[in-house]
């Protein structure tokens, strides 16, 4: 977005006359924050991209009627929010295996992917999103906290209207009056939606955010943790990895439905399956949902190359790992700018 109101007014006027280049320049700065907003609403990066594309097409078509009574940003968020609400109408809420069904038996594995439910997807980054300088101090959640997995999981359980009101108010700091205009309701109805949303979320977000946890750990401790984690996976050292986990640690592997809960089940699963063959994993550190994450590549015996397997997102509790959510969705690698292959030749020993 432009910080120069005069320049933005000029671009708006040009776009209203049908200048597509001016429109592109006008909305380019809003795309990242609109995408993050749609991801919060939908829990899917791919669906968020569809919603943003639809919203920007609708905004282009509606430019001649944009009356400038409100801000361009608010108008774009109105269109994007309603695009998300239409998508939500067509599909069930997204979840993670940690909130779906019983824990799996580590001797049987996680089972095949089901047709339903649909799963929450990881989000690249942390997004470099600054708060709106004109926003009121009503926002409860930092921009980066609001794309963490715990937050995304929790708000998917709200009704679509509650979800929209909470994100617009508590994350983006729009006022109740502004939100009422966006949702075509009244400020009192918005306050009612917020009250019910806050009640539904009470207790569901009682742990410190990952942003707070990582800041408390500090860069040096995070680097050491990443090195230990990668070394354990490369060596297939289950014992070393287990020492990094909380006693109630969970591993989930969407779109596979099962989850493994507690150190005994996690250890058994790792030792008998994915860490059973030292040297068969290669990890590359990244970030997803503002959390520590790793691109996980597995050795393809036929070619001797390490191919995309999963994007593993860690949820930390103090200095230990409480959850590993391994998204076995190779298609997400491209969205993260990650290669589908680590094209190093296989060594005879497979040692890192």
Protein backbone atom coordinates (compact mmCIF):
# COMPACT_ATOMS: atom_id res chain seq x y z
CA UNK A 1 0.00 0.00 0.00
CA UNK A 2 1.13 3.54 -0.47
CA UNK A 3 1.73 5.74 2.55
CA UNK A 4 0.98 8.84 0.45
CA UNK A 5 -2.77 9.60 0.48
CA UNK A 6 -2.38 11.98 -2.48
CA UNK A 7 -0.67 9.30 -4.55
CA UNK A 8 -3.33 6.74 -3.58
CA UNK A 9 -6.10 9.17 -4.52
CA UNK A 10 -4.48 9.58 -7.93
CA UNK A 11 -4.29 5.82 -8.44
CA UNK A 12 -7.91 5.41 -7.37
CA UNK A 13 -9.02 8.06 -9.84
CA UNK A 14 -7.01 6.42 -12.64
CA UNK A 15 -8.35 2.96 -11.77
CA UNK A 16 -11.90 4.29 -11.81
CA UNK A 17 -11.25 5.53 -15.34
CA UNK A 18 -10.29 1.96 -16.33
CA UNK A 19 -6.49 2.09 -15.95
CA UNK A 20 -5.56 -1.50 -15.11
CA UNK A 21 -1.91 -0.66 -14.42
CA UNK A 22 -2.95 1.95 -11.87
CA UNK A 23 -5.27 -0.60 -10.26
CA UNK A 24 -2.44 -3.14 -10.06
CA UNK A 25 -0.18 -0.62 -8.35
CA UNK A 26 -3.03 0.40 -6.04
CA UNK A 27 -3.74 -3.08 -4.68
CA UNK A 28 -0.24 -4.62 -4.88
CA UNK A 29 0.66 -3.48 -1.38
CA UNK A 30 -2.50 -4.99 0.09
CA UNK A 31 -2.12 -8.47 -1.39
CA UNK A 32 0.03 -10.01 1.37
CA UNK A 33 -2.18 -8.82 4.22
CA UNK A 34 -5.34 -9.83 2.36
CA UNK A 35 -3.88 -13.29 1.79
CA UNK A 36 -3.05 -13.63 5.49
CA UNK A 37 -6.59 -12.52 6.36
CA UNK A 38 -8.14 -15.07 4.01
CA UNK A 39 -5.84 -17.78 5.41
CA UNK A 40 -7.04 -16.99 8.93
CA UNK A 41 -10.64 -17.21 7.74
CA UNK A 42 -10.17 -20.40 5.72
CA UNK A 43 -7.22 -22.33 7.21
CA UNK A 44 -5.96 -23.12 3.70
CA UNK A 45 -3.28 -21.23 1.81
CA UNK A 46 -4.62 -22.49 -1.52
CA UNK A 47 -8.18 -21.44 -0.68
CA UNK A 48 -6.86 -18.10 0.56
CA UNK A 49 -5.21 -17.48 -2.81
CA UNK A 50 -8.48 -18.27 -4.57
CA UNK A 51 -10.35 -15.89 -2.25
CA UNK A 52 -7.85 -13.07 -2.82
CA UNK A 53 -7.96 -13.53 -6.58
CA UNK A 54 -11.76 -13.46 -6.55
CA UNK A 55 -11.79 -10.41 -4.27
CA UNK A 56 -9.38 -8.43 -6.43
CA UNK A 57 -11.36 -9.24 -9.58
CA UNK A 58 -14.57 -8.12 -7.85
CA UNK A 59 -12.85 -4.97 -6.58
CA UNK A 60 -11.63 -4.13 -10.10
CA UNK A 61 -15.15 -4.52 -11.46
CA UNK A 62 -16.49 -2.40 -8.61
CA UNK A 63 -13.93 0.40 -8.82
CA UNK A 64 -16.21 2.82 -10.70
CA UNK A 65 -18.67 2.61 -7.78
CA UNK A 66 -16.10 3.03 -5.00
CA UNK A 67 -17.39 6.18 -3.32
CA UNK A 68 -14.40 6.81 -1.01
CA UNK A 69 -16.66 7.30 2.00
CA UNK A 70 -14.43 4.78 3.79
CA UNK A 71 -10.86 3.66 3.32
CA UNK A 72 -9.75 1.61 0.33
CA UNK A 73 -8.28 -0.90 2.80
CA UNK A 74 -11.61 -1.37 4.56
CA UNK A 75 -13.39 -1.75 1.22
CA UNK A 76 -10.93 -4.44 0.09
CA UNK A 77 -11.28 -6.29 3.40
CA UNK A 78 -15.06 -6.20 3.02
CA UNK A 79 -14.85 -7.85 -0.39
CA UNK A 80 -12.22 -10.38 0.72
CA UNK A 81 -14.18 -11.32 3.85
CA UNK A 82 -17.32 -11.96 1.86
CA UNK A 83 -15.35 -14.03 -0.67
CA UNK A 84 -14.16 -16.17 2.26
CA UNK A 85 -17.67 -16.53 3.67
CA UNK A 86 -18.88 -17.87 0.31
CA UNK A 87 -16.08 -20.46 0.27
CA UNK A 88 -16.90 -21.50 3.86
CA UNK A 89 -20.50 -22.14 2.82
CA UNK A 90 -19.31 -24.72 0.30
CA UNK A 91 -17.10 -26.86 2.54
CA UNK A 92 -16.79 -28.22 6.08
CA UNK A 93 -14.59 -26.60 8.73
CA UNK A 94 -10.92 -27.56 8.51
CA UNK A 95 -9.26 -29.41 11.38
CA UNK A 96 -6.00 -31.11 12.34
CA UNK A 97 -5.63 -34.76 13.43
CA UNK A 98 -4.86 -33.51 16.95
CA UNK A 99 -8.53 -32.48 17.18
CA UNK A 100 -10.07 -35.28 15.15
CA UNK A 101 -10.69 -38.83 16.29
CA UNK A 102 -8.78 -40.98 18.80
CA UNK A 103 -5.02 -41.38 19.01
CA UNK A 104 -3.56 -44.02 16.68
CA UNK A 105 -1.85 -47.25 17.64
CA UNK A 106 1.86 -46.81 16.79
CA UNK A 107 2.05 -50.48 15.74
CA UNK A 108 -0.61 -49.92 13.08
CA UNK A 109 0.45 -46.55 11.69
CA UNK A 110 -1.74 -43.52 11.01
CA UNK A 111 -4.02 -45.12 8.41
CA UNK A 112 -5.03 -43.94 4.93
CA UNK A 113 -6.20 -40.38 4.20
CA UNK A 114 -9.99 -40.05 4.56
CA UNK A 115 -12.25 -38.28 2.11
CA UNK A 116 -13.38 -36.06 5.01
CA UNK A 117 -12.53 -34.00 6.92
CA UNK A 118 -10.43 -31.49 5.07
CA UNK A 119 -7.25 -30.48 6.84
CA UNK A 120 -5.80 -27.15 7.82
CA UNK A 121 -2.73 -26.33 5.71
CA UNK A 122 0.53 -24.64 6.73
CA UNK A 123 1.19 -21.00 5.93
CA UNK A 124 4.53 -19.69 4.59
CA UNK A 125 6.56 -17.40 6.67
CA UNK A 126 6.09 -15.54 9.29
CA UNK A 127 4.34 -12.95 7.15
CA UNK A 128 6.03 -9.55 7.16
CA UNK A 129 2.86 -7.72 8.05
CA UNK A 130 2.90 -4.47 9.98
CA UNK A 131 -0.10 -3.33 11.95
CA UNK A 132 -2.22 -0.63 10.37
CA UNK A 133 -0.89 2.68 11.77
CA UNK A 134 -4.45 4.02 11.91
CA UNK A 135 -5.76 1.05 13.89
CA UNK A 136 -7.29 1.42 17.33
CA UNK A 137 -5.64 -0.32 20.30
CA UNK A 138 -8.44 -2.93 20.33
CA UNK A 139 -6.38 -5.63 18.59
CA UNK A 140 -5.77 -8.58 20.93
CA UNK A 141 -3.48 -10.60 18.66
CA UNK A 142 -0.19 -9.77 17.01
CA UNK A 143 -0.21 -10.26 13.23
CA UNK A 144 2.25 -13.17 13.49
CA UNK A 145 0.49 -14.79 16.45
CA UNK A 146 -2.71 -14.80 14.42
CA UNK A 147 -1.34 -17.26 11.82
CA UNK A 148 0.02 -19.75 14.37
CA UNK A 149 -1.49 -23.22 14.15
CA UNK A 150 -3.14 -23.04 17.59
CA UNK A 151 -4.97 -19.84 16.65
CA UNK A 152 -5.99 -21.11 13.21
CA UNK A 153 -7.28 -24.38 14.69
CA UNK A 154 -9.23 -22.59 17.41
CA UNK A 155 -11.00 -20.07 15.20
CA UNK A 156 -12.07 -22.69 12.65
CA UNK A 157 -14.45 -23.94 15.34
CA UNK A 158 -16.30 -20.61 15.42
CA UNK A 159 -19.28 -19.87 13.25
CA UNK A 160 -18.33 -18.05 10.02
CA UNK A 161 -19.79 -14.75 11.30
CA UNK A 162 -18.05 -15.07 14.68
CA UNK A 163 -14.78 -15.89 12.94
CA UNK A 164 -15.04 -12.87 10.64
CA UNK A 165 -15.94 -10.50 13.47
CA UNK A 166 -13.14 -11.74 15.72
CA UNK A 167 -10.44 -11.53 13.05
CA UNK A 168 -11.55 -8.12 11.83
CA UNK A 169 -11.72 -6.74 15.39
CA UNK A 170 -9.12 -8.61 17.45
CA UNK A 171 -6.44 -9.02 14.77
CA UNK A 172 -7.01 -6.15 12.35
CA UNK A 173 -8.47 -3.66 14.84
CA UNK A 174 -11.43 -2.53 12.77
CA UNK A 175 -14.09 -0.93 14.96
CA UNK A 176 -17.46 -2.52 15.63
CA UNK A 177 -19.10 0.14 13.47
CA UNK A 178 -16.74 -0.61 10.57
CA UNK A 179 -17.30 -4.35 10.93
CA UNK A 180 -21.05 -3.84 11.01
CA UNK A 181 -20.81 -2.15 7.62
CA UNK A 182 -18.64 -4.96 6.26
CA UNK A 183 -21.00 -7.71 7.44
CA UNK A 184 -24.20 -5.74 6.79
CA UNK A 185 -25.34 -5.89 10.39
CA UNK A 186 -25.39 -3.60 13.42
CA UNK A 187 -22.64 -2.70 15.91
CA UNK A 188 -24.63 -4.36 18.70
CA UNK A 189 -24.75 -7.57 16.65
CA UNK A 190 -20.99 -7.35 16.14
CA UNK A 191 -20.43 -7.02 19.89
CA UNK A 192 -22.67 -10.05 20.40
CA UNK A 193 -20.64 -12.05 17.86
CA UNK A 194 -17.42 -11.04 19.60
CA UNK A 195 -18.77 -11.98 23.03
CA UNK A 196 -19.75 -15.45 21.85
CA UNK A 197 -16.44 -15.90 19.99
CA UNK A 198 -14.40 -14.94 23.05
CA UNK A 199 -16.43 -17.33 25.21
CA UNK A 200 -15.88 -20.17 22.72
CA UNK A 201 -12.13 -19.54 22.61
CA UNK A 202 -11.73 -19.26 26.38
CA UNK A 203 -9.18 -21.86 27.47
CA UNK A 204 -8.36 -22.89 23.92
CA UNK A 205 -5.50 -20.42 23.64
CA UNK A 206 -4.16 -20.55 27.19
CA UNK A 207 -0.55 -21.39 26.29
CA UNK A 208 1.91 -18.59 25.44
CA UNK A 209 2.04 -17.93 21.72
CA UNK A 210 4.91 -19.36 19.70
CA UNK A 211 6.14 -15.80 19.12
CA UNK A 212 6.46 -15.29 22.88
CA UNK A 213 8.03 -18.73 23.39
CA UNK A 214 10.64 -18.22 20.66
CA UNK A 215 11.53 -14.75 21.92
CA UNK A 216 12.06 -16.18 25.41
CA UNK A 217 14.29 -18.92 24.05
CA UNK A 218 16.49 -16.49 22.15
CA UNK A 219 18.41 -16.91 18.91
CA UNK A 220 21.30 -18.92 20.36
CA UNK A 221 19.05 -21.49 22.03
CA UNK A 222 16.93 -21.78 18.88
CA UNK A 223 20.03 -22.42 16.74
CA UNK A 224 21.17 -25.12 19.16
CA UNK A 225 17.72 -26.72 19.17
CA UNK A 226 17.56 -26.74 15.36
CA UNK A 227 21.00 -28.33 15.15
CA UNK A 228 20.09 -31.05 17.67
CA UNK A 229 16.81 -31.76 15.91
CA UNK A 230 18.34 -32.02 12.45
CA UNK A 231 21.25 -34.14 13.70
CA UNK A 232 18.86 -36.60 15.40
CA UNK A 233 16.79 -37.02 12.24
CA UNK A 234 19.78 -37.40 9.95
CA UNK A 235 21.27 -40.06 12.22
CA UNK A 236 17.96 -41.80 12.91
CA UNK A 237 18.64 -41.28 16.63
CA UNK A 238 15.25 -41.81 18.24
CA UNK A 239 16.56 -41.47 21.79
CA UNK A 240 18.13 -38.09 21.03
CA UNK A 241 14.91 -36.83 19.49
CA UNK A 242 12.72 -38.10 22.32
CA UNK A 243 14.79 -36.15 24.88
CA UNK A 244 13.67 -32.97 23.08
CA UNK A 245 9.96 -33.74 23.53
CA UNK A 246 7.49 -33.01 26.32
CA UNK A 247 6.02 -35.98 28.20
CA UNK A 248 2.67 -35.48 26.42
CA UNK A 249 4.18 -34.81 22.99
CA UNK A 250 2.03 -35.42 19.91
CA UNK A 251 2.93 -36.25 16.32
CA UNK A 252 0.29 -35.77 13.63
CA UNK A 253 0.69 -36.28 9.88
CA UNK A 254 -2.17 -34.71 7.92
CA UNK A 255 -3.74 -35.80 5.58
CA UNK A 256 -3.26 -39.10 7.47
CA UNK A 257 -5.91 -39.12 10.20
CA UNK A 258 -4.06 -40.64 13.15
CA UNK A 259 -1.96 -38.99 15.79
CA UNK A 260 0.51 -40.45 18.26
CA UNK A 261 0.27 -39.10 21.80
CA UNK A 262 2.73 -39.46 24.68
CA UNK A 263 6.41 -40.40 24.68
CA UNK A 264 5.85 -44.16 24.58
CA UNK A 265 3.61 -44.04 21.50
CA UNK A 266 5.76 -41.43 19.77
CA UNK A 267 8.96 -43.38 20.43
CA UNK A 268 7.42 -46.62 19.13
CA UNK A 269 6.12 -44.94 15.98
CA UNK A 270 9.43 -43.25 15.21
CA UNK A 271 11.55 -46.32 15.94
CA UNK A 272 9.46 -48.69 13.83
CA UNK A 273 8.66 -46.46 10.89
CA UNK A 274 9.99 -43.10 9.83
CA UNK A 275 13.28 -43.20 11.82
CA UNK A 276 13.86 -46.91 11.42
CA UNK A 277 16.50 -46.38 8.72
CA UNK A 278 19.31 -43.95 9.63
CA UNK A 279 20.28 -41.65 6.79
CA UNK A 280 16.90 -41.79 5.05
CA UNK A 281 15.86 -38.28 6.13
CA UNK A 282 17.25 -34.87 5.26
CA UNK A 283 15.84 -31.73 6.87
CA UNK A 284 16.05 -28.09 5.82
CA UNK A 285 15.08 -25.48 8.41
CA UNK A 286 12.37 -22.97 7.47
CA UNK A 287 9.41 -21.22 9.10
CA UNK A 288 5.69 -21.91 8.79
CA UNK A 289 2.83 -20.16 10.57
CA UNK A 290 5.45 -18.08 12.38
CA UNK A 291 6.77 -21.30 13.98
CA UNK A 292 9.90 -23.41 13.65
CA UNK A 293 9.51 -25.78 10.71
CA UNK A 294 11.51 -28.14 8.53
CA UNK A 295 11.22 -29.28 4.96
CA UNK A 296 11.55 -33.06 5.34
CA UNK A 297 13.01 -35.02 2.45
CA UNK A 298 13.07 -38.83 2.29
CA UNK A 299 15.54 -41.03 0.46
CA UNK A 300 14.22 -42.55 -2.76
CA UNK A 301 16.09 -45.83 -3.05
CA UNK A 302 15.60 -46.06 -6.82
CA UNK A 303 17.34 -42.77 -7.59
CA UNK A 304 19.44 -42.16 -4.50
CA UNK A 305 17.90 -38.70 -4.17
CA UNK A 306 16.01 -37.13 -1.31
CA UNK A 307 12.47 -36.24 -2.39
CA UNK A 308 9.87 -33.98 -0.76
CA UNK A 309 7.98 -35.81 1.94
CA UNK A 310 6.46 -33.43 4.48
CA UNK A 311 6.61 -29.99 5.99
CA UNK A 312 7.14 -30.50 9.72
CA UNK A 313 5.90 -27.65 11.95
CA UNK A 314 7.03 -27.61 15.59
CA UNK A 315 4.99 -26.27 18.48
CA UNK A 316 7.28 -25.42 21.38
CA UNK A 317 6.42 -25.41 25.07
CA UNK A 318 9.21 -23.53 26.79
CA UNK A 319 12.40 -25.23 25.55
CA UNK A 320 10.79 -28.56 24.57
CA UNK A 321 8.76 -29.70 21.57
CA UNK A 322 5.10 -30.33 22.41
CA UNK A 323 3.81 -31.10 18.90
CA UNK A 324 5.21 -32.09 15.53
CA UNK A 325 2.66 -31.53 12.79
CA UNK A 326 4.09 -33.16 9.68
CA UNK A 327 2.05 -32.03 6.69
CA UNK A 328 2.50 -34.91 4.23
CA UNK A 329 1.44 -32.62 1.42
CA UNK A 330 4.34 -32.29 -1.05
CA UNK A 331 2.34 -29.72 -3.03
CA UNK A 332 2.98 -27.18 -0.26
CA UNK A 333 6.72 -27.22 -0.96
CA UNK A 334 6.22 -24.97 -3.97
CA UNK A 335 4.21 -22.46 -1.93
CA UNK A 336 7.14 -22.21 0.47
CA UNK A 337 9.68 -21.74 -2.32
CA UNK A 338 11.20 -25.13 -1.47
CA UNK A 339 12.72 -27.54 -3.96
CA UNK A 340 10.93 -30.84 -4.49
CA UNK A 341 14.27 -32.67 -4.42
CA UNK A 342 17.60 -32.47 -2.63
CA UNK A 343 19.59 -33.66 -5.58
CA UNK A 344 22.64 -34.94 -3.76
CA UNK A 345 23.86 -38.40 -4.83
CA UNK A 346 23.35 -41.19 -2.36
CA UNK A 347 26.47 -42.15 -0.41
CA UNK A 348 27.25 -45.74 0.41
CA UNK A 349 26.75 -45.29 4.14
CA UNK A 350 23.85 -42.79 3.99
CA UNK A 351 25.49 -40.89 6.85
CA UNK A 352 24.93 -37.10 7.00
